[in-house]
Amino acid sequence: MSRLVVVMSVGLVASIASNCAAQVPLVQNGEAVAVVVTADDPSPTARYAAEELVSHVREATGATLPVVAESAIPDGYAGRVFVGATDAARAGNRPRGPRDGGDGAAHGRRRPLHRRP
């Protein structure tokens, strides 16, 4: 059951990400340029989802993305991939790209990613 939840979550994240204006680089020239961020005390499902993401990126690129707690995000990375119930998710923040006046950093009020017809 939990594997199904993870697969559905990854599919949901992929569909939302395809609608976002900001692009988050994960790997460049074979080096990780992003970190995977979890809550300080992630749920088992969030921990598993982060491990799966890292595994698939490693398999596809050869680079291993670091997984860090939200309270310990290191400097020096071009992107952050938040997984699970982080403070950023609870605050409703999402990365704002150039199209909506942002620089890709999570801040501001949450707006819908799409509009219903």
Protein backbone atom coordinates (compact mmCIF):
# COMPACT_ATOMS: atom_id res chain seq x y z
CA MET A 1 0.00 0.00 0.00
CA SER A 2 2.73 2.50 0.91
CA ARG A 3 4.50 1.82 -2.40
CA LEU A 4 1.28 2.74 -4.22
CA VAL A 5 1.06 5.98 -2.22
CA VAL A 6 4.65 6.84 -3.15
CA VAL A 7 4.06 6.09 -6.83
CA MET A 8 0.92 8.22 -6.82
CA SER A 9 2.74 11.01 -4.96
CA VAL A 10 5.60 10.99 -7.48
CA GLY A 11 3.06 11.15 -10.31
CA LEU A 12 1.30 14.07 -8.66
CA VAL A 13 4.57 15.92 -8.11
CA ALA A 14 5.56 15.31 -11.74
CA SER A 15 2.26 16.64 -13.04
CA ILE A 16 2.44 19.74 -10.82
CA ALA A 17 6.08 20.31 -11.73
CA SER A 18 5.22 20.25 -15.42
CA ASN A 19 2.87 23.20 -14.81
CA CYS A 20 5.38 25.29 -12.81
CA ALA A 21 7.26 28.13 -14.45
CA ALA A 22 10.47 27.56 -12.46
CA GLN A 23 12.87 24.83 -13.50
CA VAL A 24 14.99 23.27 -10.79
CA PRO A 25 18.30 21.88 -12.02
CA LEU A 26 19.19 18.63 -10.27
CA VAL A 27 22.42 17.57 -11.97
CA GLN A 28 24.85 19.45 -14.19
CA ASN A 29 28.01 17.99 -15.70
CA GLY A 30 27.58 14.83 -13.64
CA GLU A 31 27.46 16.72 -10.31
CA ALA A 32 24.49 17.20 -7.99
CA VAL A 33 23.44 20.86 -7.95
CA ALA A 34 20.29 20.37 -5.85
CA VAL A 35 19.41 18.90 -2.48
CA VAL A 36 16.39 16.88 -1.43
CA VAL A 37 14.81 18.49 1.64
CA THR A 38 12.65 16.63 4.14
CA ALA A 39 11.02 17.74 7.38
CA ASP A 40 13.25 17.62 10.43
CA ASP A 41 11.38 14.46 11.48
CA PRO A 42 10.04 13.03 8.19
CA SER A 43 7.35 10.40 8.02
CA PRO A 44 8.43 6.95 6.86
CA THR A 45 6.64 7.60 3.56
CA ALA A 46 8.45 10.91 3.00
CA ARG A 47 11.79 9.30 3.90
CA TYR A 48 11.11 6.48 1.43
CA ALA A 49 10.02 8.94 -1.30
CA ALA A 50 13.25 10.93 -0.83
CA GLU A 51 15.32 7.73 -1.05
CA GLU A 52 13.48 6.68 -4.21
CA LEU A 53 14.01 10.08 -5.83
CA VAL A 54 17.73 9.99 -5.02
CA SER A 55 17.97 6.42 -6.32
CA HIS A 56 16.29 7.23 -9.65
CA VAL A 57 18.36 10.38 -10.20
CA ARG A 58 21.53 8.38 -9.42
CA GLU A 59 20.47 5.64 -11.83
CA ALA A 60 19.74 8.15 -14.59
CA THR A 61 22.73 10.47 -14.11
CA GLY A 62 25.33 8.83 -11.86
CA ALA A 63 25.06 11.75 -9.39
CA THR A 64 23.76 11.35 -5.84
CA LEU A 65 21.57 14.14 -4.51
CA PRO A 66 22.12 14.85 -0.80
CA VAL A 67 19.10 14.47 1.49
CA VAL A 68 18.95 17.08 4.26
CA ALA A 69 16.58 18.15 7.01
CA GLU A 70 14.75 21.41 6.46
CA SER A 71 16.54 23.03 9.41
CA ALA A 72 19.96 22.19 7.93
CA ILE A 73 19.76 23.20 4.25
CA PRO A 74 23.32 23.86 3.09
CA ASP A 75 24.40 26.77 0.91
CA GLY A 76 25.92 26.22 -2.50
CA TYR A 77 23.16 24.32 -4.26
CA ALA A 78 21.17 25.72 -7.19
CA GLY A 79 17.96 23.91 -6.30
CA ARG A 80 15.94 22.33 -3.54
CA VAL A 81 13.37 19.56 -3.89
CA PHE A 82 11.04 19.50 -0.88
CA VAL A 83 9.55 16.08 -0.07
CA GLY A 84 6.84 15.47 2.49
CA ALA A 85 5.23 17.68 5.13
CA THR A 86 7.87 20.40 5.44
CA ASP A 87 7.35 23.81 7.02
CA ALA A 88 7.56 25.31 3.53
CA ALA A 89 4.67 23.09 2.39
CA ARG A 90 2.58 23.97 5.44
CA ALA A 91 3.21 27.67 4.83
CA GLY A 92 1.91 27.29 1.29
CA ASN A 93 5.10 28.58 -0.28
CA ARG A 94 6.12 27.48 -3.72
CA PRO A 95 9.00 28.48 -5.95
CA ARG A 96 8.17 31.50 -8.08
CA GLY A 97 9.81 31.57 -11.46
CA PRO A 98 10.63 34.44 -13.80
CA ARG A 99 7.13 34.35 -15.29
CA ASP A 100 5.58 35.37 -11.97
CA GLY A 101 8.28 37.77 -10.80
CA GLY A 102 10.42 35.41 -8.76
CA ASP A 103 13.87 33.92 -8.75
CA GLY A 104 12.93 30.30 -8.05
CA ALA A 105 13.11 30.65 -4.24
CA ALA A 106 10.09 29.64 -2.19
CA HIS A 107 8.38 32.67 -0.69
CA GLY A 108 5.18 34.66 -0.75
CA ARG A 109 1.54 33.71 -0.88
CA ARG A 110 0.53 30.45 -2.52
CA ARG A 111 -1.32 30.77 -5.80
CA PRO A 112 -3.03 28.01 -7.76
CA LEU A 113 -0.80 26.25 -10.26
CA HIS A 114 -3.64 26.03 -12.75
CA ARG A 115 -7.06 27.47 -13.31
CA ARG A 116 -10.18 25.47 -13.83
CA PRO A 117 -12.09 26.18 -17.04
